[in-house]
Amino acid sequence: MLTRRVQHELELLKRHLIILKKVIDSGPIGILKLSLETGIPDHLVRYSLRVLEQQGLITPSTQGAIATKSAREAYSEFKIEIEKIKEILEDIKRIGFD
C-alpha cells in the first residue's frame, strides 16, 4: 500500500522523539531505565539512541545518555516540522475518499 512506508517512518519518528524527550528530561539515563519508563523494548531504545547520537542530539556517558546543548532547540524545531506534516495530512484529507 502507498502509505505503509510513511506510517513506518512516522512510527520511527515518534519513538525517537519519545526517547529524546525522556533523555532531555531525565538524563543521564540508561537503556534499561528508558525501556522501563517508556515501554519501548530495549533493542528499539538502543537503535533510537544510536540514531539520536548520529544526529548530534545526545551523547553517551558512563551513567547513560545525555542530551546535547542543541537537543532542546532541535526538539522545539521538531514541533514546527510536525505542524507542517499535519498541514500536509489535512491537505490529503481534503482530496476526499468518499
Protein backbone atom coordinates (compact mmCIF):
# COMPACT_ATOMS: atom_id res chain seq x y z
CA MET A 1 0.00 0.00 0.00
CA LEU A 2 1.16 3.54 -0.72
CA THR A 3 1.04 4.67 2.89
CA ARG A 4 2.92 1.78 4.53
CA ARG A 5 6.35 3.44 4.23
CA VAL A 6 5.03 6.76 5.57
CA GLN A 7 3.41 5.02 8.54
CA HIS A 8 6.65 3.19 9.30
CA GLU A 9 8.68 6.41 9.19
CA LEU A 10 6.19 8.23 11.42
CA GLU A 11 6.34 5.41 13.98
CA LEU A 12 10.14 5.65 13.97
CA LEU A 13 9.97 9.43 14.40
CA LYS A 14 7.52 9.04 17.27
CA ARG A 15 9.81 6.58 19.04
CA HIS A 16 12.91 8.73 18.52
CA LEU A 17 11.09 11.78 19.89
CA ILE A 18 9.81 9.87 22.93
CA ILE A 19 13.37 8.75 23.70
CA LEU A 20 14.82 12.21 23.07
CA LYS A 21 12.27 13.88 25.36
CA LYS A 22 12.99 11.36 28.10
CA VAL A 23 16.75 11.95 27.80
CA ILE A 24 16.24 15.72 27.88
CA ASP A 25 14.02 15.48 30.96
CA SER A 26 15.80 12.68 32.88
CA GLY A 27 19.34 12.34 31.55
CA PRO A 28 21.73 10.85 32.14
CA ILE A 29 19.58 7.76 31.66
CA GLY A 30 20.45 4.23 30.59
CA ILE A 31 18.85 1.88 28.09
CA LEU A 32 17.13 -0.33 30.65
CA LYS A 33 15.57 2.60 32.51
CA LEU A 34 14.48 4.20 29.21
CA SER A 35 12.89 0.92 28.20
CA LEU A 36 11.13 0.51 31.54
CA GLU A 37 9.83 4.08 31.68
CA THR A 38 8.69 4.28 28.04
CA GLY A 39 7.51 0.72 27.49
CA ILE A 40 9.71 0.54 24.39
CA PRO A 41 11.76 -2.69 24.09
CA ASP A 42 15.44 -2.20 24.90
CA HIS A 43 16.66 -3.20 21.42
CA LEU A 44 14.48 -0.44 19.92
CA VAL A 45 15.66 2.05 22.57
CA ARG A 46 19.25 1.17 21.66
CA TYR A 47 18.55 1.82 17.96
CA SER A 48 16.86 5.16 18.71
CA LEU A 49 19.77 6.22 20.90
CA ARG A 50 22.17 5.40 18.08
CA VAL A 51 20.15 7.49 15.62
CA LEU A 52 19.90 10.40 18.08
CA GLU A 53 23.64 10.24 18.73
CA GLN A 54 24.38 10.27 14.99
CA GLN A 55 22.21 13.38 14.72
CA GLY A 56 24.21 15.06 17.49
CA LEU A 57 21.22 15.27 19.84
CA ILE A 58 22.54 13.05 22.60
CA THR A 59 25.91 11.88 23.81
CA PRO A 60 26.75 8.70 25.72
CA SER A 61 28.25 8.77 29.19
CA THR A 62 29.08 6.13 31.77
CA GLN A 63 25.82 7.00 33.56
CA GLY A 64 23.70 6.85 30.38
CA ALA A 65 22.57 9.09 27.57
CA ILE A 66 22.80 12.87 27.98
CA ALA A 67 21.11 15.49 25.81
CA THR A 68 23.47 17.81 23.95
CA LYS A 69 23.16 21.59 24.08
CA SER A 70 21.40 21.58 20.72
CA ALA A 71 18.84 18.92 21.74
CA ARG A 72 16.31 21.32 23.30
CA GLU A 73 16.49 23.66 20.34
CA ALA A 74 16.08 20.75 17.94
CA TYR A 75 13.12 19.45 19.95
CA SER A 76 11.41 22.85 19.55
CA GLU A 77 12.10 22.76 15.82
CA PHE A 78 10.50 19.32 15.64
CA LYS A 79 7.26 20.89 16.86
CA ILE A 80 7.33 23.23 13.85
CA GLU A 81 8.06 20.35 11.49
CA ILE A 82 5.21 18.30 12.98
CA GLU A 83 2.83 21.19 12.29
CA LYS A 84 3.96 21.17 8.65
CA ILE A 85 3.29 17.43 8.46
CA LYS A 86 -0.16 17.97 9.97
CA GLU A 87 -0.92 20.55 7.28
CA ILE A 88 0.06 18.11 4.54
CA LEU A 89 -2.18 15.44 6.10
CA GLU A 90 -5.07 17.90 6.20
CA ASP A 91 -4.50 18.66 2.50
CA ILE A 92 -4.59 14.93 1.76
CA LYS A 93 -7.84 14.56 3.71
CA ARG A 94 -9.39 17.32 1.61
CA ILE A 95 -8.81 15.27 -1.53
CA GLY A 96 -11.79 13.19 -0.42
CA PHE A 97 -12.08 9.44 -0.16
CA ASP A 98 -15.87 9.05 -0.12
